[in-house]
């Protein structure tokens, strides 16, 4: 089952950039099949490109 991530804000622990998780999944994680199905436990910062664990 897919979780609604729209509106959930995340702060990158590497660069401090604050972003919406849905935005990151759509742009920074594009092309990754795990992000499409919502089964990935990580998120990638759209600013610095670093990946980190996400507890959503």
C-alpha atoms as a PDB file:
ATOM      1  CA  UNK A   1       0.000   0.000   0.000  1.00  0.00           C
ATOM      2  CA  UNK A   2       1.245   3.441  -0.929  1.00  0.00           C
ATOM      3  CA  UNK A   3       1.571   6.099   1.762  1.00  0.00           C
ATOM      4  CA  UNK A   4       0.562   9.708   1.140  1.00  0.00           C
ATOM      5  CA  UNK A   5       3.808  11.656   1.539  1.00  0.00           C
ATOM      6  CA  UNK A   6       2.604  14.975   0.127  1.00  0.00           C
ATOM      7  CA  UNK A   7       3.163  17.793   2.569  1.00  0.00           C
ATOM      8  CA  UNK A   8       5.681  15.958   4.770  1.00  0.00           C
ATOM      9  CA  UNK A   9       8.682  18.208   5.275  1.00  0.00           C
ATOM     10  CA  UNK A  10      12.191  16.804   5.682  1.00  0.00           C
ATOM     11  CA  UNK A  11      15.468  18.539   6.559  1.00  0.00           C
ATOM     12  CA  UNK A  12      18.619  17.146   4.976  1.00  0.00           C
ATOM     13  CA  UNK A  13      21.134  16.231   7.706  1.00  0.00           C
ATOM     14  CA  UNK A  14      24.021  17.011   5.333  1.00  0.00           C
ATOM     15  CA  UNK A  15      23.198  20.470   3.938  1.00  0.00           C
ATOM     16  CA  UNK A  16      20.219  21.634   6.045  1.00  0.00           C
ATOM     17  CA  UNK A  17      17.904  22.085   3.042  1.00  0.00           C
ATOM     18  CA  UNK A  18      14.199  21.761   3.956  1.00  0.00           C
ATOM     19  CA  UNK A  19      12.023  20.117   1.312  1.00  0.00           C
ATOM     20  CA  UNK A  20       8.813  18.201   0.709  1.00  0.00           C
ATOM     21  CA  UNK A  21       9.327  14.429   0.545  1.00  0.00           C
ATOM     22  CA  UNK A  22       6.963  14.126  -2.438  1.00  0.00           C
ATOM     23  CA  UNK A  23       9.055  16.689  -4.328  1.00  0.00           C
ATOM     24  CA  UNK A  24      12.238  14.717  -3.633  1.00  0.00           C
ATOM     25  CA  UNK A  25      10.658  11.445  -4.710  1.00  0.00           C
ATOM     26  CA  UNK A  26       9.424  13.032  -7.943  1.00  0.00           C
ATOM     27  CA  UNK A  27      12.675  14.753  -8.931  1.00  0.00           C
ATOM     28  CA  UNK A  28      15.749  13.591  -6.978  1.00  0.00           C
ATOM     29  CA  UNK A  29      14.649   9.946  -6.896  1.00  0.00           C
ATOM     30  CA  UNK A  30      13.271   9.822 -10.427  1.00  0.00           C
ATOM     31  CA  UNK A  31      14.172   6.627 -12.200  1.00  0.00           C
ATOM     32  CA  UNK A  32      14.362   4.583  -9.003  1.00  0.00           C
ATOM     33  CA  UNK A  33      11.681   1.848  -8.991  1.00  0.00           C
ATOM     34  CA  UNK A  34      11.572   1.743  -5.177  1.00  0.00           C
ATOM     35  CA  UNK A  35      10.472   5.380  -4.902  1.00  0.00           C
ATOM     36  CA  UNK A  36       7.605   4.796  -7.325  1.00  0.00           C
ATOM     37  CA  UNK A  37       6.140   1.994  -5.220  1.00  0.00           C
ATOM     38  CA  UNK A  38       6.816   3.763  -1.913  1.00  0.00           C
ATOM     39  CA  UNK A  39       8.890   0.889  -0.567  1.00  0.00           C
ATOM     40  CA  UNK A  40      12.163   2.769  -0.178  1.00  0.00           C
ATOM     41  CA  UNK A  41      13.312   3.657   3.326  1.00  0.00           C
ATOM     42  CA  UNK A  42      15.591   6.414   2.063  1.00  0.00           C
ATOM     43  CA  UNK A  43      15.168   9.884   0.638  1.00  0.00           C
ATOM     44  CA  UNK A  44      17.562  11.847  -1.566  1.00  0.00           C
ATOM     45  CA  UNK A  45      18.085  15.566  -1.039  1.00  0.00           C
ATOM     46  CA  UNK A  46      17.249  17.466  -4.239  1.00  0.00           C
ATOM     47  CA  UNK A  47      19.865  20.118  -3.381  1.00  0.00           C
ATOM     48  CA  UNK A  48      23.012  18.162  -2.417  1.00  0.00           C
ATOM     49  CA  UNK A  49      22.088  14.719  -3.776  1.00  0.00           C
ATOM     50  CA  UNK A  50      22.921  12.824  -0.566  1.00  0.00           C
ATOM     51  CA  UNK A  51      20.730   9.935   0.495  1.00  0.00           C
ATOM     52  CA  UNK A  52      19.636   9.351   4.085  1.00  0.00           C
ATOM     53  CA  UNK A  53      17.154   7.115   5.979  1.00  0.00           C
ATOM     54  CA  UNK A  54      13.561   8.301   6.165  1.00  0.00           C
ATOM     55  CA  UNK A  55      11.106   7.272   8.865  1.00  0.00           C
ATOM     56  CA  UNK A  56       7.741   8.319   7.465  1.00  0.00           C
END
